[in-house]
C-alpha cells in the first residue's frame, strides 16, 4: 500500500537554492516518490512520465491516455493534446497551410475502435481554446511560453482539487515539478519564481507540516 501521507509531507524538501544538474535532480525526486508507492501507483507515475517525452506522444499514447481509468491522467493528457493541436493550428495559420494539417486526431480509416468518450480522438471540448489562442498571438516568446505553462499549472490545480493524500496529489506535484524543472533549465530566474509557486502551493495545501527555507 502506498504511503501517501509520508510522501506528501516529504515532497517540499527541496530548498530555494537547490540547483538541478540536467535532469538528475528531477529524477532523484521521482525515485524518492516511487520508493514509497505500491506497484499500481508506480505504474501511474510511469505513465505520466512517459507523457513528458515528445517522442512518446503519438496516436497510440493518446488513445491509451484518453481512456485511462485514472481521471487525472485522462484529463491531463486531454488538455495536453488540445494544447499541442492548438499550437499546430496557430502555426498553420501563420504559414498559410490547411488549418488541420498535422493536427493529431487519431482518426484511422482502417481502425474501428478509435471512438473515445463519444468523439473521434479529437480531445473533445477545449474550454481554454480562446485563452490559448490569445497567448499564442503574443510576440514575446518567453512570455508566451510562461503563460502557457501557467495555464497548464492551473489545469493541474483544477484536476487535483480536494485531493490531499492520494495518488492524484502525487501526480499533480510531479506535473508541476516537471514545469519547474523545464524553466530551471531554460531560464533560472523564471524557474526560481515557478519553484516558489510550487512550494507555496504545497505549503498551503498540506497544513500542519513544518518546513524550512
Protein backbone atom coordinates (compact mmCIF):
# COMPACT_ATOMS: atom_id res chain seq x y z
CA UNK A 1 0.00 0.00 0.00
CA UNK A 2 1.30 3.45 -0.91
CA UNK A 3 2.37 5.66 1.99
CA UNK A 4 0.79 8.88 0.75
CA UNK A 5 0.98 10.87 3.98
CA UNK A 6 4.71 10.29 4.23
CA UNK A 7 5.28 11.05 0.54
CA UNK A 8 3.23 14.26 0.52
CA UNK A 9 4.68 15.60 3.76
CA UNK A 10 8.19 14.95 2.43
CA UNK A 11 7.75 16.50 -1.03
CA UNK A 12 8.95 20.08 -0.42
CA UNK A 13 12.33 19.04 0.95
CA UNK A 14 13.93 20.95 -1.93
CA UNK A 15 15.49 24.23 -0.78
CA UNK A 16 15.31 27.59 -2.50
CA UNK A 17 18.98 27.40 -3.54
CA UNK A 18 18.62 23.92 -5.00
CA UNK A 19 20.04 23.51 -8.49
CA UNK A 20 19.38 20.66 -10.85
CA UNK A 21 22.25 19.07 -12.73
CA UNK A 22 20.41 18.49 -16.00
CA UNK A 23 17.55 16.12 -15.23
CA UNK A 24 19.35 14.36 -12.37
CA UNK A 25 17.58 16.38 -9.70
CA UNK A 26 14.14 15.69 -11.14
CA UNK A 27 14.89 12.00 -11.49
CA UNK A 28 16.13 11.75 -7.92
CA UNK A 29 12.89 13.27 -6.61
CA UNK A 30 10.87 10.83 -8.71
CA UNK A 31 12.92 7.92 -7.37
CA UNK A 32 12.21 9.00 -3.80
CA UNK A 33 8.50 9.26 -4.53
CA UNK A 34 8.26 5.89 -6.27
CA UNK A 35 10.08 4.16 -3.43
CA UNK A 36 7.04 4.59 -1.18
CA UNK A 37 4.39 3.79 -3.80
CA UNK A 38 2.90 0.38 -4.42
CA UNK A 39 3.25 -1.25 -7.82
CA UNK A 40 -0.07 0.02 -9.15
CA UNK A 41 0.64 3.63 -8.25
CA UNK A 42 4.18 3.37 -9.59
CA UNK A 43 2.61 2.41 -12.91
CA UNK A 44 0.51 5.58 -12.89
CA UNK A 45 3.62 7.69 -12.25
CA UNK A 46 5.43 5.90 -15.07
CA UNK A 47 2.57 6.65 -17.45
CA UNK A 48 2.71 10.35 -16.57
CA UNK A 49 6.48 10.42 -17.01
CA UNK A 50 6.18 8.73 -20.38
CA UNK A 51 3.95 11.58 -21.49
CA UNK A 52 6.71 14.10 -20.73
CA UNK A 53 8.75 12.68 -23.62
CA UNK A 54 7.84 14.17 -27.01
CA UNK A 55 8.91 11.01 -28.82
CA UNK A 56 6.26 9.03 -26.93
CA UNK A 57 3.39 11.35 -27.80
CA UNK A 58 1.92 9.51 -30.74
CA UNK A 59 -1.61 8.39 -31.56
CA UNK A 60 -1.22 5.15 -29.62
CA UNK A 61 -0.20 7.01 -26.47
CA UNK A 62 -3.09 9.47 -26.61
CA UNK A 63 -5.53 6.66 -27.39
CA UNK A 64 -4.43 4.97 -24.17
CA UNK A 65 -4.38 8.23 -22.20
CA UNK A 66 -7.84 9.40 -23.23
CA UNK A 67 -9.43 6.19 -21.99
CA UNK A 68 -7.24 5.74 -18.93
CA UNK A 69 -9.06 4.71 -15.75
CA UNK A 70 -7.28 7.38 -13.72
CA UNK A 71 -9.12 10.67 -14.15
CA UNK A 72 -6.08 12.88 -13.54
CA UNK A 73 -4.07 11.16 -16.30
CA UNK A 74 -7.04 11.11 -18.66
CA UNK A 75 -7.84 14.79 -18.32
CA UNK A 76 -4.22 15.95 -18.09
CA UNK A 77 -3.36 14.39 -21.42
CA UNK A 78 -6.64 15.51 -22.96
CA UNK A 79 -5.54 19.06 -22.14
CA UNK A 80 -2.03 18.31 -23.40
CA UNK A 81 -3.40 17.01 -26.73
CA UNK A 82 -5.67 20.02 -27.18
CA UNK A 83 -2.86 22.42 -26.34
CA UNK A 84 -0.46 20.82 -28.80
CA UNK A 85 -3.09 20.80 -31.54
CA UNK A 86 -3.85 24.46 -30.86
CA UNK A 87 -0.17 25.27 -31.38
CA UNK A 88 -0.16 23.35 -34.67
CA UNK A 89 -3.29 25.15 -35.91
CA UNK A 90 -1.78 28.51 -34.98
CA UNK A 91 1.42 27.69 -36.85
CA UNK A 92 -0.60 26.52 -39.85
CA UNK A 93 -2.41 29.86 -39.93
CA UNK A 94 0.88 31.74 -39.82
CA UNK A 95 2.30 29.67 -42.68
CA UNK A 96 -0.83 29.68 -44.80
CA UNK A 97 -1.29 25.92 -44.54
CA UNK A 98 -4.51 23.95 -44.21
CA UNK A 99 -5.90 24.53 -40.66
CA UNK A 100 -5.85 20.86 -39.65
CA UNK A 101 -2.60 19.86 -41.34
CA UNK A 102 -0.50 17.76 -38.92
CA UNK A 103 -3.16 18.04 -36.20
CA UNK A 104 -3.34 14.79 -34.23
CA UNK A 105 -6.89 13.46 -34.26
CA UNK A 106 -6.30 9.72 -34.05
CA UNK A 107 -8.61 9.11 -37.00
CA UNK A 108 -7.56 6.00 -38.85
CA UNK A 109 -9.78 4.73 -41.67
CA UNK A 110 -8.54 1.20 -41.02
CA UNK A 111 -9.38 1.25 -37.31
CA UNK A 112 -12.86 0.62 -35.98
CA UNK A 113 -12.37 1.43 -32.32
CA UNK A 114 -10.97 4.96 -32.23
CA UNK A 115 -14.12 6.47 -30.72
CA UNK A 116 -13.29 7.71 -27.23
CA UNK A 117 -15.92 9.27 -24.97
CA UNK A 118 -18.18 9.93 -27.95
CA UNK A 119 -15.70 11.73 -30.20
CA UNK A 120 -13.11 10.51 -32.68
CA UNK A 121 -9.92 11.22 -30.76
CA UNK A 122 -10.11 14.98 -31.11
CA UNK A 123 -9.69 15.83 -27.45
CA UNK A 124 -13.31 16.87 -27.09
CA UNK A 125 -14.34 20.33 -25.94
CA UNK A 126 -11.37 22.58 -25.18
CA UNK A 127 -12.56 25.18 -22.69
CA UNK A 128 -9.25 27.02 -22.70
CA UNK A 129 -9.11 27.37 -26.51
CA UNK A 130 -9.66 31.14 -26.58
CA UNK A 131 -7.09 31.76 -23.84
CA UNK A 132 -4.54 29.65 -25.71
CA UNK A 133 -5.18 31.48 -28.99
CA UNK A 134 -4.70 34.84 -27.26
CA UNK A 135 -1.45 33.68 -25.66
CA UNK A 136 -0.10 32.30 -28.94
CA UNK A 137 -0.74 35.65 -30.60
CA UNK A 138 1.70 37.38 -28.24
CA UNK A 139 5.03 38.48 -29.72
CA UNK A 140 7.35 37.77 -26.79
CA UNK A 141 8.28 34.08 -26.94
CA UNK A 142 9.38 33.74 -23.31
CA UNK A 143 6.23 35.43 -22.03
CA UNK A 144 4.13 33.24 -24.30
CA UNK A 145 5.70 30.00 -23.04
CA UNK A 146 5.39 31.15 -19.43
CA UNK A 147 1.69 31.93 -19.84
CA UNK A 148 1.04 28.57 -21.48
CA UNK A 149 2.73 26.86 -18.55
CA UNK A 150 0.68 28.99 -16.16
CA UNK A 151 -2.42 27.72 -17.93
CA UNK A 152 -1.20 24.14 -17.58
CA UNK A 153 -0.42 24.77 -13.90
CA UNK A 154 -3.97 26.00 -13.35
CA UNK A 155 -5.32 22.93 -15.12
CA UNK A 156 -3.31 20.67 -12.82
CA UNK A 157 -4.73 22.57 -9.85
CA UNK A 158 -8.28 22.04 -11.08
CA UNK A 159 -7.70 18.33 -11.58
CA UNK A 160 -6.27 17.88 -8.09
CA UNK A 161 -8.80 19.96 -6.15
CA UNK A 162 -9.79 18.22 -2.89
CA UNK A 163 -7.05 15.63 -3.38
CA UNK A 164 -4.60 15.79 -0.49
CA UNK A 165 -3.08 12.45 0.49
CA UNK A 166 -3.66 10.27 -2.58
CA UNK A 167 -2.13 9.39 -5.93
CA UNK A 168 -3.78 12.39 -7.64
CA UNK A 169 -1.91 14.73 -5.29
CA UNK A 170 1.35 12.95 -6.13
CA UNK A 171 0.69 13.10 -9.88
CA UNK A 172 -0.16 16.79 -9.64
CA UNK A 173 3.06 17.51 -7.77
CA UNK A 174 5.11 15.66 -10.38
CA UNK A 175 3.38 17.54 -13.21
CA UNK A 176 4.21 20.85 -11.55
CA UNK A 177 7.75 19.79 -10.74
CA UNK A 178 8.21 19.00 -14.42
CA UNK A 179 7.25 22.58 -15.27
CA UNK A 180 9.64 23.89 -12.63
CA UNK A 181 12.49 21.77 -14.00
CA UNK A 182 11.87 22.95 -17.53
CA UNK A 183 12.19 26.59 -16.50
CA UNK A 184 15.20 26.00 -14.30
CA UNK A 185 16.89 24.56 -17.38
CA UNK A 186 15.67 27.30 -19.74
CA UNK A 187 15.71 30.41 -17.57
CA UNK A 188 16.96 30.21 -13.98
CA UNK A 189 15.27 33.44 -12.84
CA UNK A 190 11.87 32.39 -14.16
CA UNK A 191 12.50 28.91 -12.81
CA UNK A 192 13.03 30.27 -9.31
CA UNK A 193 9.70 32.10 -9.49
CA UNK A 194 7.91 28.96 -10.66
CA UNK A 195 9.60 26.93 -7.93
CA UNK A 196 8.43 29.42 -5.27
CA UNK A 197 4.90 28.99 -6.56
CA UNK A 198 5.19 25.22 -6.25
CA UNK A 199 6.50 25.49 -2.71
CA UNK A 200 3.73 27.92 -1.79
CA UNK A 201 1.07 25.62 -3.25
CA UNK A 202 2.32 22.62 -1.32
CA UNK A 203 2.65 24.51 1.94
CA UNK A 204 -0.81 25.96 1.59
CA UNK A 205 -2.34 22.57 0.89
CA UNK A 206 -0.78 20.36 3.50
CA UNK A 207 -1.45 22.13 6.78
CA UNK A 208 0.35 21.17 9.91
CA UNK A 209 3.63 20.25 8.25
CA UNK A 210 6.63 22.34 9.21
CA UNK A 211 9.07 23.38 6.51
CA UNK A 212 12.32 25.29 6.44
CA UNK A 213 13.70 27.57 3.74
